[in-house]
């Protein structure tokens, strides 16, 4: 997952926890797309509350490859307002990227 996508998830973490119920379509879609393993799904389902389930998913997603963020957006069919908010935040992160680039290149 790209750094800007990780930042979007991190900056919207509490909001996502409050608004997204992951146990339905979200988990099944991410499993279908190969973003989550069966073990991930079981571990998430074992959490006591919806908030904990969402937080665990948000902890797992950044390490699940380059398609994880897009698959997560696609999984939010039941939460179109959340998807729109994340897409907008991603676009804003893209427009800020060029300004931050020279310092990034110095670090490499």
Protein backbone atom coordinates (compact mmCIF):
# COMPACT_ATOMS: atom_id res chain seq x y z
CA UNK A 1 0.00 0.00 0.00
CA UNK A 2 1.30 3.44 -0.90
CA UNK A 3 2.33 5.81 1.87
CA UNK A 4 -0.42 8.31 0.99
CA UNK A 5 -3.07 5.58 1.28
CA UNK A 6 -1.70 4.52 4.66
CA UNK A 7 -1.88 8.16 5.77
CA UNK A 8 -5.49 8.45 4.58
CA UNK A 9 -6.46 5.37 6.60
CA UNK A 10 -4.56 6.62 9.65
CA UNK A 11 -6.05 10.11 9.52
CA UNK A 12 -9.61 8.74 9.19
CA UNK A 13 -9.19 5.85 11.64
CA UNK A 14 -11.64 6.96 14.33
CA UNK A 15 -14.22 8.05 11.80
CA UNK A 16 -13.99 4.69 10.01
CA UNK A 17 -14.33 2.90 13.32
CA UNK A 18 -17.52 4.76 14.07
CA UNK A 19 -19.12 4.51 10.62
CA UNK A 20 -18.08 1.20 9.01
CA UNK A 21 -19.37 -2.22 10.00
CA UNK A 22 -16.83 -4.59 8.52
CA UNK A 23 -18.40 -7.96 9.26
CA UNK A 24 -20.75 -8.05 6.27
CA UNK A 25 -19.77 -7.24 2.71
CA UNK A 26 -16.51 -5.52 3.61
CA UNK A 27 -14.82 -8.63 5.04
CA UNK A 28 -16.23 -10.98 2.43
CA UNK A 29 -15.21 -8.74 -0.46
CA UNK A 30 -11.66 -8.32 0.86
CA UNK A 31 -11.40 -12.08 1.33
CA UNK A 32 -12.76 -12.72 -2.19
CA UNK A 33 -10.19 -10.31 -3.67
CA UNK A 34 -7.32 -11.98 -1.82
CA UNK A 35 -6.56 -8.98 0.35
CA UNK A 36 -7.43 -10.90 3.51
CA UNK A 37 -6.66 -14.51 4.32
CA UNK A 38 -9.10 -16.86 6.00
CA UNK A 39 -7.11 -16.40 9.22
CA UNK A 40 -7.51 -12.62 8.98
CA UNK A 41 -11.28 -13.00 8.56
CA UNK A 42 -11.54 -15.32 11.57
CA UNK A 43 -9.36 -13.05 13.71
CA UNK A 44 -11.47 -10.01 12.84
CA UNK A 45 -14.76 -11.85 13.43
CA UNK A 46 -13.49 -12.97 16.85
CA UNK A 47 -13.29 -9.37 18.09
CA UNK A 48 -15.92 -8.46 20.69
CA UNK A 49 -17.25 -5.24 19.16
CA UNK A 50 -17.75 -3.69 15.74
CA UNK A 51 -15.24 -0.97 16.61
CA UNK A 52 -12.56 -3.53 17.48
CA UNK A 53 -13.28 -5.43 14.26
CA UNK A 54 -12.84 -2.27 12.20
CA UNK A 55 -9.67 -1.25 14.09
CA UNK A 56 -8.11 -4.67 13.53
CA UNK A 57 -8.94 -4.49 9.83
CA UNK A 58 -7.32 -1.04 9.66
CA UNK A 59 -4.23 -2.49 11.36
CA UNK A 60 -4.03 -5.35 8.84
CA UNK A 61 -4.78 -3.48 5.57
CA UNK A 62 -1.54 -1.47 5.18
CA UNK A 63 0.53 -4.65 4.99
CA UNK A 64 -1.68 -6.41 2.44
CA UNK A 65 -0.15 -5.18 -0.79
CA UNK A 66 -0.59 -2.45 -3.39
CA UNK A 67 -4.22 -3.26 -4.22
CA UNK A 68 -5.45 -3.30 -0.61
CA UNK A 69 -6.61 0.34 -0.48
CA UNK A 70 -8.51 0.17 -3.77
CA UNK A 71 -10.11 -3.12 -2.74
CA UNK A 72 -11.10 -1.55 0.58
CA UNK A 73 -12.74 1.35 -1.28
CA UNK A 74 -14.58 -1.15 -3.50
CA UNK A 75 -15.75 -3.06 -0.42
CA UNK A 76 -17.53 0.01 0.97
CA UNK A 77 -20.64 -0.47 -1.21
CA UNK A 78 -22.89 -0.16 1.84
CA UNK A 79 -21.10 3.01 2.95
CA UNK A 80 -20.89 5.28 -0.13
CA UNK A 81 -20.44 8.45 1.96
CA UNK A 82 -17.35 6.90 3.62
CA UNK A 83 -15.94 5.86 0.26
CA UNK A 84 -16.42 9.38 -1.12
CA UNK A 85 -14.68 10.89 1.89
CA UNK A 86 -11.68 8.55 1.54
CA UNK A 87 -11.44 9.16 -2.21
CA UNK A 88 -11.48 12.93 -1.60
CA UNK A 89 -8.77 12.61 1.07
CA UNK A 90 -6.69 10.51 -1.33
CA UNK A 91 -7.03 13.14 -4.06
CA UNK A 92 -6.00 15.87 -1.62
CA UNK A 93 -2.97 13.80 -0.64
CA UNK A 94 -2.06 13.49 -4.33
CA UNK A 95 -2.16 17.24 -4.86
CA UNK A 96 0.04 17.80 -1.80
CA UNK A 97 2.58 15.20 -2.93
CA UNK A 98 4.59 17.34 -5.40
CA UNK A 99 5.35 19.95 -2.71
CA UNK A 100 6.78 17.29 -0.41
CA UNK A 101 8.83 15.49 -3.04
CA UNK A 102 12.21 17.25 -2.90
CA UNK A 103 12.68 16.45 0.79
CA UNK A 104 11.66 12.86 0.11
CA UNK A 105 14.33 12.58 -2.55
CA UNK A 106 16.97 13.93 -0.18
CA UNK A 107 16.21 11.16 2.30
CA UNK A 108 16.78 8.40 -0.25
